[in-house]
Amino acid sequence: MSTAIPDPADGRTVTEQEIADIVAPDREIAVSVGEPLVVLDELTVTFGGLTALDHVSFEIRRGEILGLIGPNGAGKTTCFNAMTGVYKPSHGTVTMEGASLVGKKKHAITRAGVARTFQNIRLFGDMTALENVVVGLDARHRTSVPGAIFRTPRHVREERESIERGMALLEFVGIAGEATSPSRSLSYGSQRRLEIARALATEPKLLCLDEPAAGFNPAEKEELMTLIRQIRDDGYTVLLIEHDMKLVMGVTDRIVVLEFGRKIAEGAPKQIQEDPAVIAAYLGVEDDDDGVA
């Protein structure tokens, strides 16, 4: 990360120490660290006769990086979708700080403090990187439609602050130099980082990352691990879906394991590595009566 970025509003520079405050000036950092932020209780999602998520319960603690892993088809993304309003649970609850998220619209869940990225990159290709981040910042704006049309003082102020904060976010994820480039022209790795920046722009309490390392080479994965740690150290809580076990084991505080829509294990990375049920799920180990595995 460079030591300073230009402030488009007045031409001065913004130091690295100021970037976090610019990105989310109203966010409370390190409040009640370790207490449950989001609680899933008996969460179930069915599609016709298929049960994609079967009575899954776990909590996400404030200030941690929680990994959600499992073989393909285990229900990981379904769990994300149920938490973020894409799917309506058939049974069970999802609460954030005691308030239910079930039944809320996606934009309301975003305002409540949940942001996410997707397996398949979803950016506005013809918009610049900075413009994509500003779209995320709009989630916290208070200007009305008439206010935007007539460019009221509040709208002008929010527009100026969006540029400043958008640049700070791009600097934070390491792509400030590509701020004016159309997002479709960015490299795959930069597009992934841009998605994270746009999600952070909504000022989430919980950031959900859905396979952010997909398609990355080993060097890019190491850089991503550093970025995820920086995000947590800056006061965010992170829920991570990822297939790369080296990344998961190297960056998470706790891990929840799903298989066929059910939770089969939960614990610290070392516990998960040694759990027979997890080993069986990933390696296809089967126990039978004559002891052959």
C-alpha atoms as a PDB file:
ATOM      1  CA  MET A   1       0.000   0.000   0.000  1.00  0.00           C
ATOM      2  CA  SER A   2       1.322   3.442  -0.831  1.00  0.00           C
ATOM      3  CA  THR A   3       1.765   6.010   1.918  1.00  0.00           C
ATOM      4  CA  ALA A   4      -0.646   8.629   0.622  1.00  0.00           C
ATOM      5  CA  ILE A   5      -3.428   9.207  -1.881  1.00  0.00           C
ATOM      6  CA  PRO A   6      -4.693  12.398  -3.455  1.00  0.00           C
ATOM      7  CA  ASP A   7      -7.916  13.875  -2.182  1.00  0.00           C
ATOM      8  CA  PRO A   8      -9.937  14.803  -5.296  1.00  0.00           C
ATOM      9  CA  ALA A   9     -11.832  17.426  -3.320  1.00  0.00           C
ATOM     10  CA  ASP A  10      -8.974  19.825  -2.604  1.00  0.00           C
ATOM     11  CA  GLY A  11      -5.790  18.361  -4.026  1.00  0.00           C
ATOM     12  CA  ARG A  12      -4.154  17.554  -0.691  1.00  0.00           C
ATOM     13  CA  THR A  13      -3.013  14.057   0.256  1.00  0.00           C
ATOM     14  CA  VAL A  14      -4.562  11.654   2.725  1.00  0.00           C
ATOM     15  CA  THR A  15      -2.164   9.632   4.846  1.00  0.00           C
ATOM     16  CA  GLU A  16      -2.454   5.888   5.361  1.00  0.00           C
ATOM     17  CA  GLN A  17      -3.498   6.453   8.977  1.00  0.00           C
ATOM     18  CA  GLU A  18      -6.499   8.500   7.847  1.00  0.00           C
ATOM     19  CA  ILE A  19      -7.788   6.032   5.262  1.00  0.00           C
ATOM     20  CA  ALA A  20      -9.829   3.893   7.685  1.00  0.00           C
ATOM     21  CA  ASP A  21     -11.593   6.962   9.094  1.00  0.00           C
ATOM     22  CA  ILE A  22     -12.388   8.209   5.583  1.00  0.00           C
ATOM     23  CA  VAL A  23     -13.748   4.830   4.490  1.00  0.00           C
ATOM     24  CA  ALA A  24     -16.234   4.459   7.352  1.00  0.00           C
ATOM     25  CA  PRO A  25     -16.233   7.474   9.687  1.00  0.00           C
ATOM     26  CA  ASP A  26     -19.254   6.361  11.696  1.00  0.00           C
ATOM     27  CA  ARG A  27     -18.281   2.710  12.212  1.00  0.00           C
ATOM     28  CA  GLU A  28     -17.659   1.553  15.750  1.00  0.00           C
ATOM     29  CA  ILE A  29     -14.430  -0.464  15.873  1.00  0.00           C
ATOM     30  CA  ALA A  30     -13.771  -3.328  18.293  1.00  0.00           C
ATOM     31  CA  VAL A  31     -17.051  -3.027  20.163  1.00  0.00           C
ATOM     32  CA  SER A  32     -17.894  -6.147  22.218  1.00  0.00           C
ATOM     33  CA  VAL A  33     -15.322  -8.231  20.372  1.00  0.00           C
ATOM     34  CA  GLY A  34     -16.079 -11.935  20.638  1.00  0.00           C
ATOM     35  CA  GLU A  35     -19.794 -11.623  21.351  1.00  0.00           C
ATOM     36  CA  PRO A  36     -22.258 -13.120  18.815  1.00  0.00           C
ATOM     37  CA  LEU A  37     -22.955 -10.724  15.949  1.00  0.00           C
ATOM     38  CA  VAL A  38     -25.030 -13.042  13.742  1.00  0.00           C
ATOM     39  CA  VAL A  39     -26.775 -16.212  14.906  1.00  0.00           C
ATOM     40  CA  LEU A  40     -28.190 -18.895  12.612  1.00  0.00           C
ATOM     41  CA  ASP A  41     -30.628 -21.206  14.391  1.00  0.00           C
ATOM     42  CA  GLU A  42     -31.993 -24.343  12.702  1.00  0.00           C
ATOM     43  CA  LEU A  43     -31.709 -22.622   9.307  1.00  0.00           C
ATOM     44  CA  THR A  44     -33.354 -24.732   6.605  1.00  0.00           C
ATOM     45  CA  VAL A  45     -33.767 -24.061   2.877  1.00  0.00           C
ATOM     46  CA  THR A  46     -35.724 -26.368   0.593  1.00  0.00           C
ATOM     47  CA  PHE A  47     -36.381 -26.289  -3.145  1.00  0.00           C
ATOM     48  CA  GLY A  48     -39.364 -28.479  -3.854  1.00  0.00           C
ATOM     49  CA  GLY A  49     -38.408 -31.884  -2.462  1.00  0.00           C
ATOM     50  CA  LEU A  50     -34.709 -31.027  -2.186  1.00  0.00           C
ATOM     51  CA  THR A  51     -33.297 -29.871   1.148  1.00  0.00           C
ATOM     52  CA  ALA A  52     -30.291 -27.682   0.366  1.00  0.00           C
ATOM     53  CA  LEU A  53     -29.720 -26.575   3.973  1.00  0.00           C
ATOM     54  CA  ASP A  54     -30.862 -28.798   6.820  1.00  0.00           C
ATOM     55  CA  HIS A  55     -31.320 -27.288  10.301  1.00  0.00           C
ATOM     56  CA  VAL A  56     -27.950 -25.536  10.353  1.00  0.00           C
ATOM     57  CA  SER A  57     -27.010 -23.609  13.511  1.00  0.00           C
ATOM     58  CA  PHE A  58     -23.896 -21.574  14.262  1.00  0.00           C
ATOM     59  CA  GLU A  59     -22.894 -18.099  15.356  1.00  0.00           C
ATOM     60  CA  ILE A  60     -20.556 -15.520  13.888  1.00  0.00           C
ATOM     61  CA  ARG A  61     -18.679 -13.655  16.602  1.00  0.00           C
ATOM     62  CA  ARG A  62     -17.871  -9.996  16.353  1.00  0.00           C
ATOM     63  CA  GLY A  63     -14.307  -9.339  15.193  1.00  0.00           C
ATOM     64  CA  GLU A  64     -13.508 -12.844  13.913  1.00  0.00           C
ATOM     65  CA  ILE A  65     -12.825 -14.432  10.543  1.00  0.00           C
ATOM     66  CA  LEU A  66     -15.128 -17.457  10.309  1.00  0.00           C
ATOM     67  CA  GLY A  67     -14.592 -19.975   7.534  1.00  0.00           C
ATOM     68  CA  LEU A  68     -17.556 -21.826   6.010  1.00  0.00           C
ATOM     69  CA  ILE A  69     -16.260 -24.851   4.111  1.00  0.00           C
ATOM     70  CA  GLY A  70     -17.431 -28.121   2.628  1.00  0.00           C
ATOM     71  CA  PRO A  71     -17.379 -30.158  -0.588  1.00  0.00           C
ATOM     72  CA  ASN A  72     -19.167 -28.927  -3.709  1.00  0.00           C
ATOM     73  CA  GLY A  73     -22.922 -28.953  -3.133  1.00  0.00           C
ATOM     74  CA  ALA A  74     -22.563 -28.816   0.651  1.00  0.00           C
ATOM     75  CA  GLY A  75     -24.849 -25.765   0.949  1.00  0.00           C
ATOM     76  CA  LYS A  76     -22.301 -23.015   1.568  1.00  0.00           C
ATOM     77  CA  THR A  77     -23.580 -20.501  -0.993  1.00  0.00           C
ATOM     78  CA  THR A  78     -27.169 -21.426  -0.139  1.00  0.00           C
ATOM     79  CA  CYS A  79     -26.360 -20.423   3.425  1.00  0.00           C
ATOM     80  CA  PHE A  80     -24.990 -17.069   2.192  1.00  0.00           C
ATOM     81  CA  ASN A  81     -28.078 -16.556   0.052  1.00  0.00           C
ATOM     82  CA  ALA A  82     -30.431 -17.274   2.945  1.00  0.00           C
ATOM     83  CA  MET A  83     -28.544 -14.817   5.153  1.00  0.00           C
ATOM     84  CA  THR A  84     -28.548 -12.031   2.564  1.00  0.00           C
ATOM     85  CA  GLY A  85     -32.162 -12.208   1.396  1.00  0.00           C
ATOM     86  CA  VAL A  86     -31.655 -14.017  -1.906  1.00  0.00           C
ATOM     87  CA  TYR A  87     -33.516 -17.090  -0.588  1.00  0.00           C
ATOM     88  CA  LYS A  88     -36.256 -17.199   2.010  1.00  0.00           C
ATOM     89  CA  PRO A  89     -35.594 -19.899   4.617  1.00  0.00           C
ATOM     90  CA  SER A  90     -38.160 -22.669   4.905  1.00  0.00           C
ATOM     91  CA  HIS A  91     -37.461 -22.906   8.623  1.00  0.00           C
ATOM     92  CA  GLY A  92     -35.240 -21.370  11.256  1.00  0.00           C
ATOM     93  CA  THR A  93     -33.942 -17.898  11.970  1.00  0.00           C
ATOM     94  CA  VAL A  94     -31.075 -15.555  11.161  1.00  0.00           C
ATOM     95  CA  THR A  95     -30.569 -12.709  13.621  1.00  0.00           C
ATOM     96  CA  MET A  96     -28.071  -9.871  13.737  1.00  0.00           C
ATOM     97  CA  GLU A  97     -27.560  -8.261  17.124  1.00  0.00           C
ATOM     98  CA  GLY A  98     -30.869  -9.821  18.161  1.00  0.00           C
ATOM     99  CA  ALA A  99     -32.916  -8.501  15.216  1.00  0.00           C
ATOM    100  CA  SER A 100     -34.287 -10.932  12.638  1.00  0.00           C
ATOM    101  CA  LEU A 101     -33.038 -10.727   9.045  1.00  0.00           C
ATOM    102  CA  VAL A 102     -35.538 -13.295   7.743  1.00  0.00           C
ATOM    103  CA  GLY A 103     -38.113 -11.781   5.400  1.00  0.00           C
ATOM    104  CA  LYS A 104     -36.234  -8.509   4.930  1.00  0.00           C
ATOM    105  CA  LYS A 105     -35.522  -7.173   1.462  1.00  0.00           C
ATOM    106  CA  LYS A 106     -31.941  -7.379   0.240  1.00  0.00           C
ATOM    107  CA  HIS A 107     -31.429  -3.623   0.506  1.00  0.00           C
ATOM    108  CA  ALA A 108     -32.733  -3.675   4.094  1.00  0.00           C
ATOM    109  CA  ILE A 109     -30.276  -6.441   4.993  1.00  0.00           C
ATOM    110  CA  THR A 110     -27.491  -4.354   3.463  1.00  0.00           C
ATOM    111  CA  ARG A 111     -28.546  -1.378   5.574  1.00  0.00           C
ATOM    112  CA  ALA A 112     -28.643  -3.635   8.629  1.00  0.00           C
ATOM    113  CA  GLY A 113     -24.945  -4.275   8.071  1.00  0.00           C
ATOM    114  CA  VAL A 114     -24.456  -7.377   5.897  1.00  0.00           C
ATOM    115  CA  ALA A 115     -22.475  -7.132   2.648  1.00  0.00           C
ATOM    116  CA  ARG A 116     -21.282  -9.858   0.311  1.00  0.00           C
ATOM    117  CA  THR A 117     -19.318 -10.711  -2.795  1.00  0.00           C
ATOM    118  CA  PHE A 118     -20.272 -13.442  -5.267  1.00  0.00           C
ATOM    119  CA  GLN A 119     -18.661 -16.533  -6.796  1.00  0.00           C
ATOM    120  CA  ASN A 120     -19.202 -14.996 -10.220  1.00  0.00           C
ATOM    121  CA  ILE A 121     -17.982 -11.405 -10.379  1.00  0.00           C
ATOM    122  CA  ARG A 122     -20.864  -8.921 -10.619  1.00  0.00           C
ATOM    123  CA  LEU A 123     -19.552  -5.497 -11.541  1.00  0.00           C
ATOM    124  CA  PHE A 124     -20.895  -2.722 -13.765  1.00  0.00           C
ATOM    125  CA  GLY A 125     -18.550  -3.293 -16.672  1.00  0.00           C
ATOM    126  CA  ASP A 126     -18.899   0.079 -18.386  1.00  0.00           C
ATOM    127  CA  MET A 127     -18.462   2.034 -15.158  1.00  0.00           C
ATOM    128  CA  THR A 128     -15.032   2.893 -13.781  1.00  0.00           C
ATOM    129  CA  ALA A 129     -13.641   1.206 -10.707  1.00  0.00           C
ATOM    130  CA  LEU A 130     -14.339   4.346  -8.672  1.00  0.00           C
ATOM    131  CA  GLU A 131     -17.907   4.570  -9.959  1.00  0.00           C
ATOM    132  CA  ASN A 132     -18.523   0.942  -8.944  1.00  0.00           C
ATOM    133  CA  VAL A 133     -17.442   1.746  -5.392  1.00  0.00           C
ATOM    134  CA  VAL A 134     -19.561   4.902  -5.307  1.00  0.00           C
ATOM    135  CA  VAL A 135     -22.594   2.705  -6.110  1.00  0.00           C
ATOM    136  CA  GLY A 136     -21.893   0.827  -2.877  1.00  0.00           C
ATOM    137  CA  LEU A 137     -21.559   4.091  -0.963  1.00  0.00           C
ATOM    138  CA  ASP A 138     -25.037   5.117  -2.144  1.00  0.00           C
ATOM    139  CA  ALA A 139     -26.455   2.550   0.304  1.00  0.00           C
ATOM    140  CA  ARG A 140     -25.677   4.991   3.137  1.00  0.00           C
ATOM    141  CA  HIS A 141     -26.672   8.230   1.411  1.00  0.00           C
ATOM    142  CA  ARG A 142     -29.670  10.206   2.660  1.00  0.00           C
ATOM    143  CA  THR A 143     -30.279  12.502  -0.307  1.00  0.00           C
ATOM    144  CA  SER A 144     -33.753  12.184  -1.818  1.00  0.00           C
ATOM    145  CA  VAL A 145     -34.375  11.871  -5.563  1.00  0.00           C
ATOM    146  CA  PRO A 146     -35.452  15.544  -5.830  1.00  0.00           C
ATOM    147  CA  GLY A 147     -32.342  16.482  -3.836  1.00  0.00           C
ATOM    148  CA  ALA A 148     -30.145  14.684  -6.363  1.00  0.00           C
ATOM    149  CA  ILE A 149     -31.964  16.247  -9.310  1.00  0.00           C
ATOM    150  CA  PHE A 150     -31.636  19.777  -7.944  1.00  0.00           C
ATOM    151  CA  ARG A 151     -28.166  19.165  -6.473  1.00  0.00           C
ATOM    152  CA  THR A 152     -28.944  20.348  -2.979  1.00  0.00           C
ATOM    153  CA  PRO A 153     -26.031  21.153  -0.630  1.00  0.00           C
ATOM    154  CA  ARG A 154     -26.462  17.744   1.036  1.00  0.00           C
ATOM    155  CA  HIS A 155     -26.240  15.979  -2.332  1.00  0.00           C
ATOM    156  CA  VAL A 156     -23.122  17.929  -3.337  1.00  0.00           C
ATOM    157  CA  ARG A 157     -21.504  17.153   0.025  1.00  0.00           C
ATOM    158  CA  GLU A 158     -22.334  13.444  -0.194  1.00  0.00           C
ATOM    159  CA  GLU A 159     -21.049  13.310  -3.764  1.00  0.00           C
ATOM    160  CA  ARG A 160     -17.740  14.881  -2.736  1.00  0.00           C
ATOM    161  CA  GLU A 161     -17.398  12.565   0.268  1.00  0.00           C
ATOM    162  CA  SER A 162     -18.167   9.549  -1.934  1.00  0.00           C
ATOM    163  CA  ILE A 163     -15.252  10.318  -4.217  1.00  0.00           C
ATOM    164  CA  GLU A 164     -12.936  10.745  -1.250  1.00  0.00           C
ATOM    165  CA  ARG A 165     -14.085   7.568   0.468  1.00  0.00           C
ATOM    166  CA  GLY A 166     -14.206   5.628  -2.793  1.00  0.00           C
ATOM    167  CA  MET A 167     -10.570   6.472  -3.489  1.00  0.00           C
ATOM    168  CA  ALA A 168      -9.638   5.481   0.061  1.00  0.00           C
ATOM    169  CA  LEU A 169     -11.323   2.105  -0.410  1.00  0.00           C
ATOM    170  CA  LEU A 170      -9.559   1.484  -3.705  1.00  0.00           C
ATOM    171  CA  GLU A 171      -6.281   2.324  -1.980  1.00  0.00           C
ATOM    172  CA  PHE A 172      -7.176  -0.027   0.875  1.00  0.00           C
ATOM    173  CA  VAL A 173      -7.656  -2.994  -1.488  1.00  0.00           C
ATOM    174  CA  GLY A 174      -4.621  -2.040  -3.561  1.00  0.00           C
ATOM    175  CA  ILE A 175      -6.078  -0.795  -6.867  1.00  0.00           C
ATOM    176  CA  ALA A 176      -6.228   3.001  -6.470  1.00  0.00           C
ATOM    177  CA  GLY A 177      -4.124   3.369  -9.609  1.00  0.00           C
ATOM    178  CA  GLU A 178      -6.977   1.857 -11.646  1.00  0.00           C
ATOM    179  CA  ALA A 179      -9.716   4.155 -10.310  1.00  0.00           C
ATOM    180  CA  THR A 180     -10.566   5.649 -13.716  1.00  0.00           C
ATOM    181  CA  SER A 181     -10.383   2.376 -15.671  1.00  0.00           C
ATOM    182  CA  PRO A 182     -13.625   0.659 -16.769  1.00  0.00           C
ATOM    183  CA  SER A 183     -14.119  -2.331 -14.511  1.00  0.00           C
ATOM    184  CA  ARG A 184     -14.388  -4.710 -17.470  1.00  0.00           C
ATOM    185  CA  SER A 185     -10.820  -3.795 -18.479  1.00  0.00           C
ATOM    186  CA  LEU A 186      -9.331  -4.694 -15.091  1.00  0.00           C
ATOM    187  CA  SER A 187      -7.445  -7.918 -14.537  1.00  0.00           C
ATOM    188  CA  TYR A 188      -9.325 -10.771 -12.902  1.00  0.00           C
ATOM    189  CA  GLY A 189      -7.524 -10.201  -9.606  1.00  0.00           C
ATOM    190  CA  SER A 190      -8.282  -6.471  -9.644  1.00  0.00           C
ATOM    191  CA  GLN A 191     -11.950  -7.182 -10.347  1.00  0.00           C
ATOM    192  CA  ARG A 192     -12.058  -9.441  -7.285  1.00  0.00           C
ATOM    193  CA  ARG A 193     -10.495  -6.681  -5.187  1.00  0.00           C
ATOM    194  CA  LEU A 194     -12.954  -4.161  -6.618  1.00  0.00           C
ATOM    195  CA  GLU A 195     -15.880  -6.351  -5.543  1.00  0.00           C
ATOM    196  CA  ILE A 196     -14.492  -6.375  -2.014  1.00  0.00           C
ATOM    197  CA  ALA A 197     -14.086  -2.579  -2.078  1.00  0.00           C
ATOM    198  CA  ARG A 198     -17.676  -2.123  -3.247  1.00  0.00           C
ATOM    199  CA  ALA A 199     -18.943  -4.412  -0.493  1.00  0.00           C
ATOM    200  CA  LEU A 200     -16.929  -2.492   2.119  1.00  0.00           C
ATOM    201  CA  ALA A 201     -18.431   0.738   0.779  1.00  0.00           C
ATOM    202  CA  THR A 202     -21.777  -0.204   2.329  1.00  0.00           C
ATOM    203  CA  GLU A 203     -20.109  -0.004   5.769  1.00  0.00           C
ATOM    204  CA  PRO A 204     -20.992  -3.555   6.798  1.00  0.00           C
ATOM    205  CA  LYS A 205     -20.777  -5.066  10.235  1.00  0.00           C
ATOM    206  CA  LEU A 206     -20.386  -8.457   8.530  1.00  0.00           C
ATOM    207  CA  LEU A 207     -18.544  -8.958   5.239  1.00  0.00           C
ATOM    208  CA  CYS A 208     -19.370 -12.234   3.471  1.00  0.00           C
ATOM    209  CA  LEU A 209     -16.773 -13.330   0.913  1.00  0.00           C
ATOM    210  CA  ASP A 210     -17.884 -16.088  -1.471  1.00  0.00           C
ATOM    211  CA  GLU A 211     -14.780 -17.824  -2.864  1.00  0.00           C
ATOM    212  CA  PRO A 212     -12.708 -14.644  -3.262  1.00  0.00           C
ATOM    213  CA  ALA A 213      -9.575 -16.605  -4.239  1.00  0.00           C
ATOM    214  CA  ALA A 214     -11.199 -18.436  -7.157  1.00  0.00           C
ATOM    215  CA  GLY A 215      -8.864 -18.264 -10.136  1.00  0.00           C
ATOM    216  CA  PHE A 216      -5.976 -16.740  -8.174  1.00  0.00           C
ATOM    217  CA  ASN A 217      -2.386 -17.910  -8.466  1.00  0.00           C
ATOM    218  CA  PRO A 218      -0.404 -18.675  -5.271  1.00  0.00           C
ATOM    219  CA  ALA A 219       1.084 -15.165  -5.028  1.00  0.00           C
ATOM    220  CA  GLU A 220      -2.349 -13.571  -5.409  1.00  0.00           C
ATOM    221  CA  LYS A 221      -3.731 -15.872  -2.717  1.00  0.00           C
ATOM    222  CA  GLU A 222      -1.030 -14.747  -0.293  1.00  0.00           C
ATOM    223  CA  GLU A 223      -1.907 -11.115  -1.028  1.00  0.00           C
ATOM    224  CA  LEU A 224      -5.593 -11.902  -0.494  1.00  0.00           C
ATOM    225  CA  MET A 225      -4.854 -13.475   2.896  1.00  0.00           C
ATOM    226  CA  THR A 226      -3.056 -10.289   3.907  1.00  0.00           C
ATOM    227  CA  LEU A 227      -6.002  -8.168   2.734  1.00  0.00           C
ATOM    228  CA  ILE A 228      -8.550 -10.279   4.641  1.00  0.00           C
ATOM    229  CA  ARG A 229      -6.503  -9.926   7.815  1.00  0.00           C
ATOM    230  CA  GLN A 230      -6.306  -6.167   7.251  1.00  0.00           C
ATOM    231  CA  ILE A 231     -10.081  -6.014   6.847  1.00  0.00           C
ATOM    232  CA  ARG A 232     -10.579  -7.837  10.161  1.00  0.00           C
ATOM    233  CA  ASP A 233      -7.924  -5.741  11.899  1.00  0.00           C
ATOM    234  CA  ASP A 234      -9.759  -2.623  10.717  1.00  0.00           C
ATOM    235  CA  GLY A 235     -12.807  -3.638  12.746  1.00  0.00           C
ATOM    236  CA  TYR A 236     -14.868  -5.789  10.409  1.00  0.00           C
ATOM    237  CA  THR A 237     -16.230  -9.295  10.976  1.00  0.00           C
ATOM    238  CA  VAL A 238     -15.657 -11.679   8.050  1.00  0.00           C
ATOM    239  CA  LEU A 239     -17.488 -14.816   6.905  1.00  0.00           C
ATOM    240  CA  LEU A 240     -15.446 -16.648   4.283  1.00  0.00           C
ATOM    241  CA  ILE A 241     -16.423 -19.384   1.842  1.00  0.00           C
ATOM    242  CA  GLU A 242     -13.334 -20.818   0.204  1.00  0.00           C
ATOM    243  CA  HIS A 243     -12.161 -24.122  -1.304  1.00  0.00           C
ATOM    244  CA  ASP A 244      -8.454 -23.427  -0.909  1.00  0.00           C
ATOM    245  CA  MET A 245      -7.663 -25.110   2.398  1.00  0.00           C
ATOM    246  CA  LYS A 246      -4.254 -23.486   2.765  1.00  0.00           C
ATOM    247  CA  LEU A 247      -5.921 -20.072   2.624  1.00  0.00           C
ATOM    248  CA  VAL A 248      -8.745 -21.089   4.963  1.00  0.00           C
ATOM    249  CA  MET A 249      -6.427 -22.638   7.537  1.00  0.00           C
ATOM    250  CA  GLY A 250      -4.055 -19.696   7.344  1.00  0.00           C
ATOM    251  CA  VAL A 251      -6.536 -16.865   7.801  1.00  0.00           C
ATOM    252  CA  THR A 252      -9.553 -18.031   9.841  1.00  0.00           C
ATOM    253  CA  ASP A 253     -10.127 -18.024  13.597  1.00  0.00           C
ATOM    254  CA  ARG A 254     -12.856 -20.683  13.495  1.00  0.00           C
ATOM    255  CA  ILE A 255     -14.353 -22.940  10.843  1.00  0.00           C
ATOM    256  CA  VAL A 256     -17.822 -24.407  10.264  1.00  0.00           C
ATOM    257  CA  VAL A 257     -18.014 -27.442   7.960  1.00  0.00           C
ATOM    258  CA  LEU A 258     -21.086 -28.382   5.920  1.00  0.00           C
ATOM    259  CA  GLU A 259     -21.790 -31.608   4.049  1.00  0.00           C
ATOM    260  CA  PHE A 260     -24.991 -32.327   2.126  1.00  0.00           C
ATOM    261  CA  GLY A 261     -26.611 -29.284   3.735  1.00  0.00           C
ATOM    262  CA  ARG A 262     -25.825 -30.269   7.330  1.00  0.00           C
ATOM    263  CA  LYS A 263     -23.222 -29.003   9.764  1.00  0.00           C
ATOM    264  CA  ILE A 264     -20.779 -31.802  10.538  1.00  0.00           C
ATOM    265  CA  ALA A 265     -18.082 -29.919  12.447  1.00  0.00           C
ATOM    266  CA  GLU A 266     -17.171 -26.607  14.040  1.00  0.00           C
ATOM    267  CA  GLY A 267     -13.985 -25.461  15.738  1.00  0.00           C
ATOM    268  CA  ALA A 268     -10.519 -23.965  15.450  1.00  0.00           C
ATOM    269  CA  PRO A 269      -8.544 -24.696  12.244  1.00  0.00           C
ATOM    270  CA  LYS A 270      -6.343 -27.337  13.927  1.00  0.00           C
ATOM    271  CA  GLN A 271      -9.401 -29.138  15.322  1.00  0.00           C
ATOM    272  CA  ILE A 272     -11.041 -29.155  11.897  1.00  0.00           C
ATOM    273  CA  GLN A 273      -7.904 -30.522  10.221  1.00  0.00           C
ATOM    274  CA  GLU A 274      -7.924 -33.489  12.582  1.00  0.00           C
ATOM    275  CA  ASP A 275     -11.687 -34.137  12.646  1.00  0.00           C
ATOM    276  CA  PRO A 276     -12.477 -37.611  11.210  1.00  0.00           C
ATOM    277  CA  ALA A 277     -15.840 -36.462   9.803  1.00  0.00           C
ATOM    278  CA  VAL A 278     -14.181 -33.601   7.927  1.00  0.00           C
ATOM    279  CA  ILE A 279     -11.426 -35.858   6.605  1.00  0.00           C
ATOM    280  CA  ALA A 280     -14.060 -38.320   5.398  1.00  0.00           C
ATOM    281  CA  ALA A 281     -16.099 -35.556   3.732  1.00  0.00           C
ATOM    282  CA  TYR A 282     -13.124 -34.227   1.782  1.00  0.00           C
ATOM    283  CA  LEU A 283     -11.228 -37.440   1.078  1.00  0.00           C
ATOM    284  CA  GLY A 284     -14.123 -39.807   0.656  1.00  0.00           C
ATOM    285  CA  VAL A 285     -13.042 -42.068   3.505  1.00  0.00           C
ATOM    286  CA  GLU A 286     -15.681 -44.629   4.409  1.00  0.00           C
ATOM    287  CA  ASP A 287     -15.754 -46.737   7.558  1.00  0.00           C
ATOM    288  CA  ASP A 288     -17.217 -50.231   7.340  1.00  0.00           C
ATOM    289  CA  ASP A 289     -17.598 -53.158   9.677  1.00  0.00           C
ATOM    290  CA  ASP A 290     -14.335 -54.905   8.792  1.00  0.00           C
ATOM    291  CA  GLY A 291     -12.277 -51.819   9.569  1.00  0.00           C
ATOM    292  CA  VAL A 292     -11.256 -51.038   5.984  1.00  0.00           C
ATOM    293  CA  ALA A 293     -11.174 -47.281   5.301  1.00  0.00           C
END
